[in-house]
Amino acid sequence: MASQSSRALSWASLLLLLVGGSVGSPEAGLAAAVLAALCAVAPTFAGSKGLRIAGVVLLLASAGLALTHLASARRSMDAYRARVERSQGAGSGTQEVR
């Protein structure tokens, strides 16, 4: 991989980390953290020495951000599922048979 590509992916990873940390939605923050980690993998394995160090730091930061948002994203999705189940049961009169 070209050094320029590794550097661009490092910057993309950093930008995604900043976006993931600043959005209000835990699901969007989790998605941004996962994308940041995917962008940081290439510089970690195919960059110069400085880019490899930056890639490892970005991977660790991405994992930390993902772990931070994981529990709140799970609670948010569980609450969404409960709202959908309540609205389907009370709304149309037809219920899914399980």
PDB file of N, CA and C in Angstrom:
ATOM      1  N   MET A   1       0.851  -1.166   0.000  1.00  0.00           N
ATOM      2  CA  MET A   1       0.000   0.000   0.000  1.00  0.00           C
ATOM      3  C   MET A   1       0.900   1.234   0.000  1.00  0.00           C
ATOM      4  N   ALA A   2       0.479   2.238  -0.730  1.00  0.00           N
ATOM      5  CA  ALA A   2       1.251   3.464  -0.820  1.00  0.00           C
ATOM      6  C   ALA A   2       1.186   4.232   0.500  1.00  0.00           C
ATOM      7  N   SER A   3       2.262   4.943   0.786  1.00  0.00           N
ATOM      8  CA  SER A   3       2.330   5.722   2.022  1.00  0.00           C
ATOM      9  C   SER A   3       1.222   6.780   2.060  1.00  0.00           C
ATOM     10  N   GLN A   4       0.916   7.334   0.914  1.00  0.00           N
ATOM     11  CA  GLN A   4      -0.132   8.361   0.847  1.00  0.00           C
ATOM     12  C   GLN A   4      -1.500   7.767   1.199  1.00  0.00           C
ATOM     13  N   SER A   5      -1.760   6.546   0.767  1.00  0.00           N
ATOM     14  CA  SER A   5      -3.027   5.888   1.093  1.00  0.00           C
ATOM     15  C   SER A   5      -3.125   5.593   2.587  1.00  0.00           C
ATOM     16  N   SER A   6      -2.037   5.123   3.173  1.00  0.00           N
ATOM     17  CA  SER A   6      -2.031   4.855   4.615  1.00  0.00           C
ATOM     18  C   SER A   6      -2.257   6.131   5.416  1.00  0.00           C
ATOM     19  N   ARG A   7      -1.645   7.210   4.970  1.00  0.00           N
ATOM     20  CA  ARG A   7      -1.812   8.494   5.663  1.00  0.00           C
ATOM     21  C   ARG A   7      -3.257   8.986   5.537  1.00  0.00           C
ATOM     22  N   ALA A   8      -3.839   8.832   4.353  1.00  0.00           N
ATOM     23  CA  ALA A   8      -5.230   9.255   4.155  1.00  0.00           C
ATOM     24  C   ALA A   8      -6.184   8.440   5.026  1.00  0.00           C
ATOM     25  N   LEU A   9      -5.940   7.140   5.142  1.00  0.00           N
ATOM     26  CA  LEU A   9      -6.792   6.305   5.989  1.00  0.00           C
ATOM     27  C   LEU A   9      -6.626   6.651   7.461  1.00  0.00           C
ATOM     28  N   SER A  10      -5.433   7.047   7.855  1.00  0.00           N
ATOM     29  CA  SER A  10      -5.228   7.487   9.246  1.00  0.00           C
ATOM     30  C   SER A  10      -6.028   8.745   9.534  1.00  0.00           C
ATOM     31  N   TRP A  11      -5.995   9.695   8.612  1.00  0.00           N
ATOM     32  CA  TRP A  11      -6.780  10.923   8.793  1.00  0.00           C
ATOM     33  C   TRP A  11      -8.277  10.633   8.788  1.00  0.00           C
ATOM     34  N   ALA A  12      -8.705   9.711   7.923  1.00  0.00           N
ATOM     35  CA  ALA A  12     -10.123   9.338   7.893  1.00  0.00           C
ATOM     36  C   ALA A  12     -10.542   8.700   9.207  1.00  0.00           C
ATOM     37  N   SER A  13      -9.676   7.867   9.755  1.00  0.00           N
ATOM     38  CA  SER A  13      -9.963   7.232  11.037  1.00  0.00           C
ATOM     39  C   SER A  13     -10.078   8.271  12.145  1.00  0.00           C
ATOM     40  N   LEU A  14      -9.160   9.230  12.168  1.00  0.00           N
ATOM     41  CA  LEU A  14      -9.210  10.286  13.176  1.00  0.00           C
ATOM     42  C   LEU A  14     -10.480  11.121  13.039  1.00  0.00           C
ATOM     43  N   LEU A  15     -10.844  11.443  11.818  1.00  0.00           N
ATOM     44  CA  LEU A  15     -12.069  12.216  11.582  1.00  0.00           C
ATOM     45  C   LEU A  15     -13.304  11.444  12.041  1.00  0.00           C
ATOM     46  N   LEU A  16     -13.352  10.157  11.753  1.00  0.00           N
ATOM     47  CA  LEU A  16     -14.484   9.339  12.190  1.00  0.00           C
ATOM     48  C   LEU A  16     -14.541   9.228  13.709  1.00  0.00           C
ATOM     49  N   LEU A  17     -13.398   9.177  14.353  1.00  0.00           N
ATOM     50  CA  LEU A  17     -13.379   9.156  15.820  1.00  0.00           C
ATOM     51  C   LEU A  17     -13.944  10.450  16.389  1.00  0.00           C
ATOM     52  N   LEU A  18     -13.567  11.570  15.795  1.00  0.00           N
ATOM     53  CA  LEU A  18     -14.090  12.854  16.264  1.00  0.00           C
ATOM     54  C   LEU A  18     -15.597  12.946  16.060  1.00  0.00           C
ATOM     55  N   VAL A  19     -16.066  12.491  14.914  1.00  0.00           N
ATOM     56  CA  VAL A  19     -17.508  12.505  14.639  1.00  0.00           C
ATOM     57  C   VAL A  19     -18.235  11.555  15.590  1.00  0.00           C
ATOM     58  N   GLY A  20     -17.692  10.368  15.788  1.00  0.00           N
ATOM     59  CA  GLY A  20     -18.315   9.388  16.671  1.00  0.00           C
ATOM     60  C   GLY A  20     -18.397   9.855  18.109  1.00  0.00           C
ATOM     61  N   GLY A  21     -17.422  10.635  18.537  1.00  0.00           N
ATOM     62  CA  GLY A  21     -17.446  11.143  19.901  1.00  0.00           C
ATOM     63  C   GLY A  21     -18.348  12.338  20.091  1.00  0.00           C
ATOM     64  N   SER A  22     -18.689  13.015  19.000  1.00  0.00           N
ATOM     65  CA  SER A  22     -19.467  14.245  19.134  1.00  0.00           C
ATOM     66  C   SER A  22     -20.949  14.094  18.792  1.00  0.00           C
ATOM     67  N   VAL A  23     -21.361  13.016  18.146  1.00  0.00           N
ATOM     68  CA  VAL A  23     -22.778  12.855  17.814  1.00  0.00           C
ATOM     69  C   VAL A  23     -23.554  12.444  19.059  1.00  0.00           C
ATOM     70  N   GLY A  24     -24.822  12.750  19.071  1.00  0.00           N
ATOM     71  CA  GLY A  24     -25.651  12.441  20.228  1.00  0.00           C
ATOM     72  C   GLY A  24     -26.209  11.032  20.232  1.00  0.00           C
ATOM     73  N   SER A  25     -26.320  10.432  19.083  1.00  0.00           N
ATOM     74  CA  SER A  25     -26.903   9.103  18.980  1.00  0.00           C
ATOM     75  C   SER A  25     -25.858   8.031  19.294  1.00  0.00           C
ATOM     76  N   PRO A  26     -26.152   7.136  20.242  1.00  0.00           N
ATOM     77  CA  PRO A  26     -25.176   6.091  20.549  1.00  0.00           C
ATOM     78  C   PRO A  26     -24.970   5.113  19.392  1.00  0.00           C
ATOM     79  N   GLU A  27     -26.018   4.891  18.598  1.00  0.00           N
ATOM     80  CA  GLU A  27     -25.876   3.992  17.459  1.00  0.00           C
ATOM     81  C   GLU A  27     -24.944   4.578  16.412  1.00  0.00           C
ATOM     82  N   ALA A  28     -25.072   5.874  16.143  1.00  0.00           N
ATOM     83  CA  ALA A  28     -24.197   6.533  15.173  1.00  0.00           C
ATOM     84  C   ALA A  28     -22.766   6.584  15.693  1.00  0.00           C
ATOM     85  N   GLY A  29     -22.595   6.805  16.987  1.00  0.00           N
ATOM     86  CA  GLY A  29     -21.255   6.809  17.566  1.00  0.00           C
ATOM     87  C   GLY A  29     -20.595   5.449  17.472  1.00  0.00           C
ATOM     88  N   LEU A  30     -21.369   4.408  17.691  1.00  0.00           N
ATOM     89  CA  LEU A  30     -20.847   3.047  17.578  1.00  0.00           C
ATOM     90  C   LEU A  30     -20.454   2.738  16.136  1.00  0.00           C
ATOM     91  N   ALA A  31     -21.309   3.120  15.184  1.00  0.00           N
ATOM     92  CA  ALA A  31     -21.004   2.887  13.772  1.00  0.00           C
ATOM     93  C   ALA A  31     -19.754   3.652  13.350  1.00  0.00           C
ATOM     94  N   ALA A  32     -19.614   4.892  13.801  1.00  0.00           N
ATOM     95  CA  ALA A  32     -18.431   5.677  13.461  1.00  0.00           C
ATOM     96  C   ALA A  32     -17.175   5.068  14.073  1.00  0.00           C
ATOM     97  N   ALA A  33     -17.277   4.529  15.275  1.00  0.00           N
ATOM     98  CA  ALA A  33     -16.120   3.898  15.911  1.00  0.00           C
ATOM     99  C   ALA A  33     -15.695   2.647  15.158  1.00  0.00           C
ATOM    100  N   VAL A  34     -16.652   1.872  14.705  1.00  0.00           N
ATOM    101  CA  VAL A  34     -16.322   0.662  13.936  1.00  0.00           C
ATOM    102  C   VAL A  34     -15.683   1.043  12.603  1.00  0.00           C
ATOM    103  N   LEU A  35     -16.231   2.045  11.928  1.00  0.00           N
ATOM    104  CA  LEU A  35     -15.632   2.498  10.674  1.00  0.00           C
ATOM    105  C   LEU A  35     -14.231   3.067  10.894  1.00  0.00           C
ATOM    106  N   ALA A  36     -14.036   3.775  11.992  1.00  0.00           N
ATOM    107  CA  ALA A  36     -12.711   4.304  12.309  1.00  0.00           C
ATOM    108  C   ALA A  36     -11.715   3.171  12.518  1.00  0.00           C
ATOM    109  N   ALA A  37     -12.149   2.111  13.179  1.00  0.00           N
ATOM    110  CA  ALA A  37     -11.264   0.964  13.385  1.00  0.00           C
ATOM    111  C   ALA A  37     -10.914   0.297  12.058  1.00  0.00           C
ATOM    112  N   LEU A  38     -11.892   0.187  11.172  1.00  0.00           N
ATOM    113  CA  LEU A  38     -11.621  -0.410   9.861  1.00  0.00           C
ATOM    114  C   LEU A  38     -10.639   0.434   9.062  1.00  0.00           C
ATOM    115  N   CYS A  39     -10.749   1.745   9.159  1.00  0.00           N
ATOM    116  CA  CYS A  39      -9.805   2.628   8.464  1.00  0.00           C
ATOM    117  C   CYS A  39      -8.416   2.561   9.081  1.00  0.00           C
ATOM    118  N   ALA A  40      -8.314   2.271  10.364  1.00  0.00           N
ATOM    119  CA  ALA A  40      -7.020   2.248  11.045  1.00  0.00           C
ATOM    120  C   ALA A  40      -6.275   0.933  10.862  1.00  0.00           C
ATOM    121  N   VAL A  41      -6.929  -0.085  10.362  1.00  0.00           N
ATOM    122  CA  VAL A  41      -6.271  -1.386  10.204  1.00  0.00           C
ATOM    123  C   VAL A  41      -5.167  -1.315   9.147  1.00  0.00           C
ATOM    124  N   ALA A  42      -5.440  -0.699   8.011  1.00  0.00           N
ATOM    125  CA  ALA A  42      -4.449  -0.658   6.928  1.00  0.00           C
ATOM    126  C   ALA A  42      -3.167   0.069   7.337  1.00  0.00           C
ATOM    127  N   PRO A  43      -3.231   1.260   7.950  1.00  0.00           N
ATOM    128  CA  PRO A  43      -1.975   1.897   8.366  1.00  0.00           C
ATOM    129  C   PRO A  43      -1.221   1.096   9.434  1.00  0.00           C
ATOM    130  N   THR A  44      -1.948   0.330  10.229  1.00  0.00           N
ATOM    131  CA  THR A  44      -1.300  -0.464  11.267  1.00  0.00           C
ATOM    132  C   THR A  44      -0.415  -1.552  10.661  1.00  0.00           C
ATOM    133  N   PHE A  45      -0.847  -2.142   9.574  1.00  0.00           N
ATOM    134  CA  PHE A  45      -0.108  -3.248   8.988  1.00  0.00           C
ATOM    135  C   PHE A  45       0.721  -2.873   7.773  1.00  0.00           C
ATOM    136  N   ALA A  46       0.398  -1.770   7.088  1.00  0.00           N
ATOM    137  CA  ALA A  46       1.080  -1.472   5.830  1.00  0.00           C
ATOM    138  C   ALA A  46       1.668  -0.075   5.777  1.00  0.00           C
ATOM    139  N   GLY A  47       1.855   0.570   6.901  1.00  0.00           N
ATOM    140  CA  GLY A  47       2.397   1.923   6.887  1.00  0.00           C
ATOM    141  C   GLY A  47       3.854   1.949   7.324  1.00  0.00           C
ATOM    142  N   SER A  48       4.406   3.139   7.300  1.00  0.00           N
ATOM    143  CA  SER A  48       5.765   3.315   7.816  1.00  0.00           C
ATOM    144  C   SER A  48       5.716   3.210   9.343  1.00  0.00           C
ATOM    145  N   LYS A  49       6.873   3.340   9.985  1.00  0.00           N
ATOM    146  CA  LYS A  49       6.922   3.158  11.429  1.00  0.00           C
ATOM    147  C   LYS A  49       6.008   4.147  12.155  1.00  0.00           C
ATOM    148  N   GLY A  50       6.052   5.408  11.763  1.00  0.00           N
ATOM    149  CA  GLY A  50       5.204   6.417  12.399  1.00  0.00           C
ATOM    150  C   GLY A  50       3.728   6.160  12.165  1.00  0.00           C
ATOM    151  N   LEU A  51       3.395   5.742  10.944  1.00  0.00           N
ATOM    152  CA  LEU A  51       1.988   5.450  10.646  1.00  0.00           C
ATOM    153  C   LEU A  51       1.510   4.200  11.370  1.00  0.00           C
ATOM    154  N   ARG A  52       2.388   3.246  11.579  1.00  0.00           N
ATOM    155  CA  ARG A  52       2.001   2.049  12.336  1.00  0.00           C
ATOM    156  C   ARG A  52       1.680   2.399  13.783  1.00  0.00           C
ATOM    157  N   ILE A  53       2.504   3.253  14.366  1.00  0.00           N
ATOM    158  CA  ILE A  53       2.239   3.673  15.740  1.00  0.00           C
ATOM    159  C   ILE A  53       0.916   4.427  15.812  1.00  0.00           C
ATOM    160  N   ALA A  54       0.707   5.345  14.862  1.00  0.00           N
ATOM    161  CA  ALA A  54      -0.556   6.093  14.820  1.00  0.00           C
ATOM    162  C   ALA A  54      -1.732   5.144  14.594  1.00  0.00           C
ATOM    163  N   GLY A  55      -1.551   4.124  13.753  1.00  0.00           N
ATOM    164  CA  GLY A  55      -2.608   3.154  13.500  1.00  0.00           C
ATOM    165  C   GLY A  55      -2.994   2.378  14.749  1.00  0.00           C
ATOM    166  N   VAL A  56      -1.997   1.982  15.529  1.00  0.00           N
ATOM    167  CA  VAL A  56      -2.278   1.257  16.772  1.00  0.00           C
ATOM    168  C   VAL A  56      -3.022   2.156  17.757  1.00  0.00           C
ATOM    169  N   VAL A  57      -2.582   3.412  17.862  1.00  0.00           N
ATOM    170  CA  VAL A  57      -3.254   4.351  18.759  1.00  0.00           C
ATOM    171  C   VAL A  57      -4.700   4.570  18.306  1.00  0.00           C
ATOM    172  N   LEU A  58      -4.907   4.713  16.999  1.00  0.00           N
ATOM    173  CA  LEU A  58      -6.262   4.905  16.481  1.00  0.00           C
ATOM    174  C   LEU A  58      -7.125   3.661  16.695  1.00  0.00           C
ATOM    175  N   LEU A  59      -6.530   2.481  16.551  1.00  0.00           N
ATOM    176  CA  LEU A  59      -7.289   1.250  16.820  1.00  0.00           C
ATOM    177  C   LEU A  59      -7.715   1.165  18.282  1.00  0.00           C
ATOM    178  N   LEU A  60      -6.811   1.499  19.177  1.00  0.00           N
ATOM    179  CA  LEU A  60      -7.149   1.468  20.608  1.00  0.00           C
ATOM    180  C   LEU A  60      -8.219   2.507  20.945  1.00  0.00           C
ATOM    181  N   ALA A  61      -8.104   3.690  20.369  1.00  0.00           N
ATOM    182  CA  ALA A  61      -9.114   4.724  20.606  1.00  0.00           C
ATOM    183  C   ALA A  61     -10.465   4.311  20.030  1.00  0.00           C
ATOM    184  N   SER A  62     -10.459   3.673  18.874  1.00  0.00           N
ATOM    185  CA  SER A  62     -11.709   3.204  18.265  1.00  0.00           C
ATOM    186  C   SER A  62     -12.369   2.137  19.129  1.00  0.00           C
ATOM    187  N   ALA A  63     -11.563   1.217  19.645  1.00  0.00           N
ATOM    188  CA  ALA A  63     -12.111   0.172  20.515  1.00  0.00           C
ATOM    189  C   ALA A  63     -12.683   0.778  21.783  1.00  0.00           C
ATOM    190  N   GLY A  64     -12.003   1.756  22.348  1.00  0.00           N
ATOM    191  CA  GLY A  64     -12.521   2.416  23.551  1.00  0.00           C
ATOM    192  C   GLY A  64     -13.825   3.147  23.293  1.00  0.00           C
ATOM    193  N   LEU A  65     -13.895   3.854  22.169  1.00  0.00           N
ATOM    194  CA  LEU A  65     -15.135   4.569  21.834  1.00  0.00           C
ATOM    195  C   LEU A  65     -16.278   3.590  21.573  1.00  0.00           C
ATOM    196  N   ALA A  66     -15.973   2.482  20.901  1.00  0.00           N
ATOM    197  CA  ALA A  66     -17.010   1.481  20.634  1.00  0.00           C
ATOM    198  C   ALA A  66     -17.527   0.871  21.934  1.00  0.00           C
ATOM    199  N   LEU A  67     -16.634   0.561  22.847  1.00  0.00           N
ATOM    200  CA  LEU A  67     -17.064  -0.002  24.130  1.00  0.00           C
ATOM    201  C   LEU A  67     -17.874   1.001  24.944  1.00  0.00           C
ATOM    202  N   THR A  68     -17.524   2.273  24.821  1.00  0.00           N
ATOM    203  CA  THR A  68     -18.261   3.312  25.529  1.00  0.00           C
ATOM    204  C   THR A  68     -19.696   3.422  25.023  1.00  0.00           C
ATOM    205  N   HIS A  69     -19.861   3.319  23.717  1.00  0.00           N
ATOM    206  CA  HIS A  69     -21.191   3.488  23.124  1.00  0.00           C
ATOM    207  C   HIS A  69     -22.005   2.195  23.066  1.00  0.00           C
ATOM    208  N   LEU A  70     -21.383   1.057  23.276  1.00  0.00           N
ATOM    209  CA  LEU A  70     -22.067  -0.220  23.088  1.00  0.00           C
ATOM    210  C   LEU A  70     -23.251  -0.409  24.040  1.00  0.00           C
ATOM    211  N   ALA A  71     -23.056  -0.167  25.306  1.00  0.00           N
ATOM    212  CA  ALA A  71     -24.135  -0.391  26.276  1.00  0.00           C
ATOM    213  C   ALA A  71     -25.304   0.550  26.046  1.00  0.00           C
ATOM    214  N   SER A  72     -25.026   1.816  25.786  1.00  0.00           N
ATOM    215  CA  SER A  72     -26.128   2.765  25.571  1.00  0.00           C
ATOM    216  C   SER A  72     -26.825   2.496  24.241  1.00  0.00           C
ATOM    217  N   ALA A  73     -26.100   2.036  23.228  1.00  0.00           N
ATOM    218  CA  ALA A  73     -26.738   1.688  21.951  1.00  0.00           C
ATOM    219  C   ALA A  73     -27.647   0.476  22.129  1.00  0.00           C
ATOM    220  N   ARG A  74     -27.217  -0.481  22.918  1.00  0.00           N
ATOM    221  CA  ARG A  74     -28.038  -1.667  23.166  1.00  0.00           C
ATOM    222  C   ARG A  74     -29.320  -1.295  23.918  1.00  0.00           C
ATOM    223  N   ARG A  75     -29.198  -0.422  24.940  1.00  0.00           N
ATOM    224  CA  ARG A  75     -30.390   0.030  25.681  1.00  0.00           C
ATOM    225  C   ARG A  75     -31.333   0.804  24.761  1.00  0.00           C
ATOM    226  N   SER A  76     -30.785   1.637  23.910  1.00  0.00           N
ATOM    227  CA  SER A  76     -31.605   2.423  22.991  1.00  0.00           C
ATOM    228  C   SER A  76     -32.353   1.523  22.010  1.00  0.00           C
ATOM    229  N   MET A  77     -31.691   0.505  21.503  1.00  0.00           N
ATOM    230  CA  MET A  77     -32.350  -0.405  20.566  1.00  0.00           C
ATOM    231  C   MET A  77     -33.397  -1.268  21.267  1.00  0.00           C
ATOM    232  N   ASP A  78     -33.146  -1.663  22.495  1.00  0.00           N
ATOM    233  CA  ASP A  78     -34.151  -2.420  23.251  1.00  0.00           C
ATOM    234  C   ASP A  78     -35.391  -1.570  23.503  1.00  0.00           C
ATOM    235  N   ALA A  79     -35.190  -0.299  23.829  1.00  0.00           N
ATOM    236  CA  ALA A  79     -36.329   0.595  24.029  1.00  0.00           C
ATOM    237  C   ALA A  79     -37.095   0.788  22.723  1.00  0.00           C
ATOM    238  N   TYR A  80     -36.393   0.873  21.620  1.00  0.00           N
ATOM    239  CA  TYR A  80     -37.046   1.012  20.311  1.00  0.00           C
ATOM    240  C   TYR A  80     -37.879  -0.225  19.989  1.00  0.00           C
ATOM    241  N   ARG A  81     -37.321  -1.404  20.229  1.00  0.00           N
ATOM    242  CA  ARG A  81     -38.075  -2.637  19.982  1.00  0.00           C
ATOM    243  C   ARG A  81     -39.345  -2.697  20.832  1.00  0.00           C
ATOM    244  N   ALA A  82     -39.244  -2.281  22.086  1.00  0.00           N
ATOM    245  CA  ALA A  82     -40.413  -2.302  22.966  1.00  0.00           C
ATOM    246  C   ALA A  82     -41.483  -1.334  22.463  1.00  0.00           C
ATOM    247  N   ARG A  83     -41.070  -0.152  21.994  1.00  0.00           N
ATOM    248  CA  ARG A  83     -42.048   0.800  21.451  1.00  0.00           C
ATOM    249  C   ARG A  83     -42.723   0.254  20.209  1.00  0.00           C
ATOM    250  N   VAL A  84     -41.961  -0.413  19.360  1.00  0.00           N
ATOM    251  CA  VAL A  84     -42.535  -0.980  18.135  1.00  0.00           C
ATOM    252  C   VAL A  84     -43.517  -2.091  18.478  1.00  0.00           C
ATOM    253  N   GLU A  85     -43.161  -2.937  19.412  1.00  0.00           N
ATOM    254  CA  GLU A  85     -44.067  -4.029  19.795  1.00  0.00           C
ATOM    255  C   GLU A  85     -45.350  -3.488  20.406  1.00  0.00           C
ATOM    256  N   ARG A  86     -45.250  -2.430  21.228  1.00  0.00           N
ATOM    257  CA  ARG A  86     -46.460  -1.827  21.805  1.00  0.00           C
ATOM    258  C   ARG A  86     -47.325  -1.199  20.725  1.00  0.00           C
ATOM    259  N   SER A  87     -46.714  -0.528  19.765  1.00  0.00           N
ATOM    260  CA  SER A  87     -47.506   0.140  18.729  1.00  0.00           C
ATOM    261  C   SER A  87     -48.131  -0.868  17.776  1.00  0.00           C
ATOM    262  N   GLN A  88     -47.478  -1.986  17.521  1.00  0.00           N
ATOM    263  CA  GLN A  88     -48.064  -3.000  16.653  1.00  0.00           C
ATOM    264  C   GLN A  88     -49.223  -3.711  17.359  1.00  0.00           C
ATOM    265  N   GLY A  89     -49.093  -3.936  18.643  1.00  0.00           N
ATOM    266  CA  GLY A  89     -50.154  -4.626  19.380  1.00  0.00           C
ATOM    267  C   GLY A  89     -51.394  -3.770  19.558  1.00  0.00           C
ATOM    268  N   ALA A  90     -51.238  -2.470  19.733  1.00  0.00           N
ATOM    269  CA  ALA A  90     -52.380  -1.601  19.987  1.00  0.00           C
ATOM    270  C   ALA A  90     -52.909  -0.938  18.720  1.00  0.00           C
ATOM    271  N   GLY A  91     -52.123  -0.917  17.661  1.00  0.00           N
ATOM    272  CA  GLY A  91     -52.486  -0.132  16.489  1.00  0.00           C
ATOM    273  C   GLY A  91     -53.490  -0.756  15.560  1.00  0.00           C
ATOM    274  N   SER A  92     -53.244  -1.936  15.043  1.00  0.00           N
ATOM    275  CA  SER A  92     -54.054  -2.441  13.946  1.00  0.00           C
ATOM    276  C   SER A  92     -55.005  -3.556  14.333  1.00  0.00           C
ATOM    277  N   GLY A  93     -54.864  -4.119  15.479  1.00  0.00           N
ATOM    278  CA  GLY A  93     -55.746  -5.206  15.869  1.00  0.00           C
ATOM    279  C   GLY A  93     -55.240  -6.554  15.387  1.00  0.00           C
ATOM    280  N   THR A  94     -54.308  -6.570  14.479  1.00  0.00           N
ATOM    281  CA  THR A  94     -53.727  -7.828  14.040  1.00  0.00           C
ATOM    282  C   THR A  94     -52.395  -8.001  14.739  1.00  0.00           C
ATOM    283  N   GLN A  95     -52.195  -9.179  15.259  1.00  0.00           N
ATOM    284  CA  GLN A  95     -50.975  -9.438  15.986  1.00  0.00           C
ATOM    285  C   GLN A  95     -50.257 -10.601  15.368  1.00  0.00           C
ATOM    286  N   GLU A  96     -48.949 -10.594  15.489  1.00  0.00           N
ATOM    287  CA  GLU A  96     -48.131 -11.656  14.966  1.00  0.00           C
ATOM    288  C   GLU A  96     -48.272 -12.880  15.869  1.00  0.00           C
ATOM    289  N   VAL A  97     -48.432 -14.055  15.278  1.00  0.00           N
ATOM    290  CA  VAL A  97     -48.541 -15.297  16.028  1.00  0.00           C
ATOM    291  C   VAL A  97     -47.142 -15.864  16.206  1.00  0.00           C
ATOM    292  N   ARG A  98     -46.794 -16.179  17.446  1.00  0.00           N
ATOM    293  CA  ARG A  98     -45.466 -16.740  17.718  1.00  0.00           C
ATOM    294  C   ARG A  98     -45.552 -18.166  18.133  1.00  0.00           C
TER     295      ARG A  98
END
